[in-house]
């Protein structure tokens, strides 16, 4: 579904991504890990078409992303951004309905189907009770759930999430990632998600791409990528990696600094 070849991205003279090669299949969740400034958000913005590539290509189901119009991209890719600027006077309901924009006709008419899809999206993220609340009145975690609902209402085959668990409590962190993983599998969504939490990535991602200084340091399953020596080198802190007591995943424990 998603294929990235020899991708390099620069901000002015500064190279941010260097020769990235990735392929993410339908129904697969790929987690992007790496220290702050490693290029995770830049990669997501480039995949979504917001940033141009200095070199290389991004293809979606054989379509070159740079050749698609914004409206066409909006039917292919939905995004849950890290820091979204939302109109504070909009209600959560109005915000989620914005996800239907690519499908609304030139008269701006909202169909019964659009309304049902928006309602179902709010239900999926446990935010239907927030529908009439104004965005400016919501907590950071509540706004994050509304943003996910907006992305789900967009009904795209590719979902990009930039650190979506920021500001969420434990219940909604787990609930959000459980939902994303379930949708990826059951609805054959292609999901790329930037995370900071190594253990959440190990639990919910099918594969992990570890970025360092704009390059892929390691790519593979959690067991292949999240090794103690690799993590200590990348994050500059010693860790212990043990088997999770009830999941077939590694569990990363920060160690004492020697």
Protein backbone atom coordinates (compact mmCIF):
# COMPACT_ATOMS: atom_id res chain seq x y z
CA UNK A 1 0.00 0.00 0.00
CA UNK A 2 2.62 2.55 1.11
CA UNK A 3 6.05 2.50 -0.49
CA UNK A 4 8.85 4.97 0.24
CA UNK A 5 11.97 4.86 -1.91
CA UNK A 6 15.26 6.69 -1.42
CA UNK A 7 13.48 9.54 0.37
CA UNK A 8 15.45 12.57 1.51
CA UNK A 9 13.95 15.77 2.95
CA UNK A 10 15.63 19.05 3.83
CA UNK A 11 14.73 22.24 5.66
CA UNK A 12 16.75 24.74 3.69
CA UNK A 13 20.33 23.52 3.68
CA UNK A 14 19.76 21.13 6.60
CA UNK A 15 19.10 17.50 5.68
CA UNK A 16 16.42 16.04 7.99
CA UNK A 17 15.68 12.68 6.35
CA UNK A 18 18.33 10.76 4.43
CA UNK A 19 17.67 7.91 2.03
CA UNK A 20 14.61 6.42 3.73
CA UNK A 21 13.29 3.15 2.29
CA UNK A 22 10.12 1.67 3.77
CA UNK A 23 7.15 -0.39 2.71
CA UNK A 24 3.98 -0.74 4.81
CA UNK A 25 1.31 -3.23 3.78
CA UNK A 26 -2.47 -3.13 4.08
CA UNK A 27 -3.52 -4.16 7.57
CA UNK A 28 -0.09 -3.42 9.03
CA UNK A 29 0.87 -0.99 11.82
CA UNK A 30 4.36 0.47 11.63
CA UNK A 31 5.67 2.40 14.63
CA UNK A 32 8.27 5.14 14.19
CA UNK A 33 10.61 5.39 17.16
CA UNK A 34 13.61 7.59 17.79
CA UNK A 35 14.92 10.41 19.97
CA UNK A 36 13.57 13.94 19.69
CA UNK A 37 14.65 15.48 16.40
CA UNK A 38 15.26 12.15 14.68
CA UNK A 39 12.79 12.92 11.86
CA UNK A 40 9.62 11.06 12.86
CA UNK A 41 7.23 14.00 12.40
CA UNK A 42 9.01 15.10 9.23
CA UNK A 43 8.55 11.64 7.73
CA UNK A 44 4.82 11.67 8.52
CA UNK A 45 4.42 15.15 7.03
CA UNK A 46 6.22 14.06 3.88
CA UNK A 47 4.09 10.93 3.52
CA UNK A 48 0.96 13.08 3.86
CA UNK A 49 2.17 15.42 1.10
CA UNK A 50 2.63 18.47 3.32
CA UNK A 51 6.39 18.53 2.78
CA UNK A 52 8.12 18.06 -0.58
CA UNK A 53 10.86 15.51 -0.99
CA UNK A 54 14.33 16.71 -1.93
CA UNK A 55 14.92 13.26 -3.39
CA UNK A 56 13.02 10.00 -3.73
CA UNK A 57 9.33 9.12 -3.91
CA UNK A 58 6.28 8.18 -1.84
CA UNK A 59 3.71 5.91 -3.49
CA UNK A 60 0.23 4.98 -2.29
CA UNK A 61 -1.19 1.92 -4.01
CA UNK A 62 0.96 2.78 -7.01
CA UNK A 63 -0.01 6.48 -7.04
CA UNK A 64 2.78 9.02 -6.66
CA UNK A 65 1.79 11.19 -3.68
CA UNK A 66 3.29 14.31 -5.25
CA UNK A 67 1.00 13.83 -8.25
CA UNK A 68 -2.22 13.86 -6.23
CA UNK A 69 -4.27 16.98 -5.57
CA UNK A 70 -5.00 17.93 -1.93
CA UNK A 71 -8.57 16.65 -2.34
CA UNK A 72 -7.33 13.33 -3.73
CA UNK A 73 -4.80 12.97 -0.92
CA UNK A 74 -7.55 13.61 1.62
CA UNK A 75 -9.37 10.51 0.34
CA UNK A 76 -6.24 8.41 0.70
CA UNK A 77 -4.63 9.67 3.91
CA UNK A 78 -5.97 10.90 7.24
CA UNK A 79 -3.70 12.41 9.87
CA UNK A 80 -3.83 12.79 13.64
CA UNK A 81 -1.25 15.57 14.16
CA UNK A 82 0.81 16.16 17.26
CA UNK A 83 -0.13 19.80 17.81
CA UNK A 84 -3.27 20.71 15.92
CA UNK A 85 -4.70 24.21 15.92
CA UNK A 86 -8.45 23.75 16.25
CA UNK A 87 -11.08 26.52 16.20
CA UNK A 88 -11.96 26.89 19.91
CA UNK A 89 -15.55 27.93 19.10
CA UNK A 90 -16.20 24.74 17.08
CA UNK A 91 -17.95 21.92 18.84
CA UNK A 92 -16.43 18.45 18.88
CA UNK A 93 -19.24 17.36 16.56
CA UNK A 94 -18.45 20.10 14.02
CA UNK A 95 -14.76 19.22 14.21
CA UNK A 96 -15.37 15.54 13.47
CA UNK A 97 -17.68 16.43 10.59
CA UNK A 98 -14.73 18.23 8.98
CA UNK A 99 -13.39 14.75 8.30
CA UNK A 100 -16.18 14.32 5.76
CA UNK A 101 -15.06 17.38 3.74
CA UNK A 102 -13.47 15.32 0.89
CA UNK A 103 -16.84 13.67 0.25
CA UNK A 104 -19.22 16.65 0.52
CA UNK A 105 -20.59 17.92 -2.79
CA UNK A 106 -19.92 21.38 -4.23
CA UNK A 107 -23.06 22.72 -2.55
CA UNK A 108 -21.64 21.79 0.84
CA UNK A 109 -24.50 19.43 1.63
CA UNK A 110 -23.95 16.94 4.43
CA UNK A 111 -25.71 13.63 3.87
CA UNK A 112 -27.30 11.29 6.38
CA UNK A 113 -24.41 8.91 5.69
CA UNK A 114 -21.89 11.63 6.62
CA UNK A 115 -23.71 12.21 9.91
CA UNK A 116 -23.78 8.49 10.72
CA UNK A 117 -20.08 8.08 9.93
CA UNK A 118 -19.18 11.04 12.18
CA UNK A 119 -21.31 9.69 15.01
CA UNK A 120 -19.76 6.22 14.70
CA UNK A 121 -16.26 7.77 14.75
CA UNK A 122 -17.01 9.56 18.03
CA UNK A 123 -18.40 6.37 19.51
CA UNK A 124 -15.29 4.41 18.53
CA UNK A 125 -13.01 6.75 20.49
CA UNK A 126 -15.37 6.96 23.50
CA UNK A 127 -16.07 10.64 22.82
CA UNK A 128 -19.75 10.78 21.88
CA UNK A 129 -20.48 12.51 25.19
CA UNK A 130 -18.19 15.35 24.05
CA UNK A 131 -20.13 16.03 20.84
CA UNK A 132 -21.76 19.28 21.97
CA UNK A 133 -18.76 20.56 23.94
CA UNK A 134 -16.66 23.36 22.47
CA UNK A 135 -13.09 22.52 21.50
CA UNK A 136 -11.83 25.37 23.68
CA UNK A 137 -13.41 23.71 26.72
CA UNK A 138 -11.80 20.31 26.22
CA UNK A 139 -8.70 18.97 27.91
CA UNK A 140 -5.68 18.01 25.84
CA UNK A 141 -6.61 14.34 26.03
CA UNK A 142 -10.20 15.00 25.03
CA UNK A 143 -9.07 17.05 22.03
CA UNK A 144 -6.75 14.22 21.01
CA UNK A 145 -9.65 11.77 20.97
CA UNK A 146 -11.72 14.19 18.88
CA UNK A 147 -8.83 14.47 16.41
CA UNK A 148 -8.72 10.69 16.08
CA UNK A 149 -12.48 10.64 15.52
CA UNK A 150 -12.07 13.26 12.77
CA UNK A 151 -9.43 11.10 11.10
CA UNK A 152 -11.63 8.00 11.33
CA UNK A 153 -14.56 9.96 9.84
CA UNK A 154 -12.34 10.68 6.85
CA UNK A 155 -12.59 6.98 5.90
CA UNK A 156 -9.15 6.65 4.31
CA UNK A 157 -7.09 3.48 3.76
CA UNK A 158 -3.98 5.11 5.28
CA UNK A 159 -3.86 6.55 8.81
CA UNK A 160 -0.92 8.58 10.11
CA UNK A 161 -0.61 9.42 13.81
CA UNK A 162 2.01 11.71 15.34
CA UNK A 163 2.46 10.86 19.03
CA UNK A 164 -1.30 10.42 19.57
CA UNK A 165 -0.97 9.30 23.21
CA UNK A 166 0.39 12.66 24.36
CA UNK A 167 -1.87 14.14 27.08
CA UNK A 168 -3.84 10.91 27.41
CA UNK A 169 -4.29 9.07 30.70
CA UNK A 170 -3.55 5.35 30.91
CA UNK A 171 -7.10 4.25 30.07
CA UNK A 172 -7.29 6.34 26.92
CA UNK A 173 -3.71 5.60 25.86
CA UNK A 174 -4.47 1.91 25.89
CA UNK A 175 -7.95 2.35 24.46
CA UNK A 176 -6.73 4.48 21.58
CA UNK A 177 -3.94 2.11 20.60
CA UNK A 178 -6.17 -0.95 21.02
CA UNK A 179 -8.64 0.71 18.66
CA UNK A 180 -6.01 1.69 16.09
CA UNK A 181 -4.54 -1.81 16.09
CA UNK A 182 -8.01 -3.37 15.77
CA UNK A 183 -8.95 -1.07 12.88
CA UNK A 184 -5.66 -1.78 11.14
CA UNK A 185 -6.36 -5.51 11.25
CA UNK A 186 -10.12 -5.64 10.73
CA UNK A 187 -10.43 -2.79 8.19
CA UNK A 188 -7.09 -3.43 6.44
CA UNK A 189 -5.85 0.06 7.29
CA UNK A 190 -2.23 0.97 6.69
CA UNK A 191 -1.12 2.69 9.89
CA UNK A 192 2.08 4.62 10.56
CA UNK A 193 2.37 5.93 14.10
CA UNK A 194 5.12 7.98 15.74
CA UNK A 195 5.59 7.08 19.41
CA UNK A 196 7.97 7.84 22.25
CA UNK A 197 6.97 4.94 24.48
CA UNK A 198 9.03 1.89 23.52
CA UNK A 199 6.78 -0.52 25.39
CA UNK A 200 3.62 0.74 23.67
CA UNK A 201 5.35 0.32 20.31
CA UNK A 202 6.39 -3.22 21.24
CA UNK A 203 2.83 -4.07 22.23
CA UNK A 204 0.87 -2.55 19.35
CA UNK A 205 3.11 -2.33 16.28
CA UNK A 206 3.58 -5.14 13.80
CA UNK A 207 6.94 -3.66 12.89
CA UNK A 208 9.15 -0.85 14.16
CA UNK A 209 11.37 1.61 12.29
CA UNK A 210 13.98 3.17 14.58
CA UNK A 211 15.10 6.58 13.30
CA UNK A 212 18.35 8.23 14.29
CA UNK A 213 19.54 11.51 12.77
CA UNK A 214 17.14 11.15 9.87
CA UNK A 215 18.15 7.62 8.95
CA UNK A 216 16.72 4.20 9.70
CA UNK A 217 18.92 2.60 12.33
CA UNK A 218 16.87 -0.61 12.57
CA UNK A 219 13.72 -2.02 10.99
CA UNK A 220 11.83 -5.15 11.95
CA UNK A 221 9.69 -6.69 14.66
CA UNK A 222 9.89 -5.47 18.25
CA UNK A 223 12.13 -8.39 19.19
CA UNK A 224 14.47 -7.62 16.30
CA UNK A 225 14.68 -3.87 16.91
CA UNK A 226 14.25 -3.31 20.65
CA UNK A 227 17.47 -4.87 21.86
CA UNK A 228 19.27 -3.56 24.92
CA UNK A 229 22.48 -2.68 23.04
CA UNK A 230 20.60 -0.82 20.29
CA UNK A 231 18.37 1.12 22.69
CA UNK A 232 21.28 2.09 24.94
CA UNK A 233 23.24 3.38 21.95
CA UNK A 234 20.35 5.34 20.44
CA UNK A 235 18.82 6.79 23.63
CA UNK A 236 22.11 7.08 25.56
CA UNK A 237 20.79 5.33 28.62
CA UNK A 238 21.28 1.73 29.76
CA UNK A 239 18.24 -0.53 29.72
CA UNK A 240 17.32 -4.10 30.44
CA UNK A 241 15.11 -5.94 27.97
CA UNK A 242 13.16 -8.89 29.35
CA UNK A 243 10.30 -11.05 28.12
CA UNK A 244 6.90 -9.58 28.87
CA UNK A 245 5.19 -11.71 31.56
CA UNK A 246 2.03 -12.34 29.53
CA UNK A 247 2.65 -11.03 25.99
CA UNK A 248 5.02 -12.30 23.35
CA UNK A 249 6.85 -8.97 23.26
CA UNK A 250 9.97 -7.47 24.82
CA UNK A 251 9.63 -5.30 27.92
CA UNK A 252 12.08 -2.42 28.23
CA UNK A 253 13.18 -1.33 31.71
CA UNK A 254 15.49 1.68 32.21
CA UNK A 255 18.58 0.64 34.14
CA UNK A 256 20.79 2.58 36.54
CA UNK A 257 23.38 4.87 35.01
CA UNK A 258 26.78 3.42 35.79
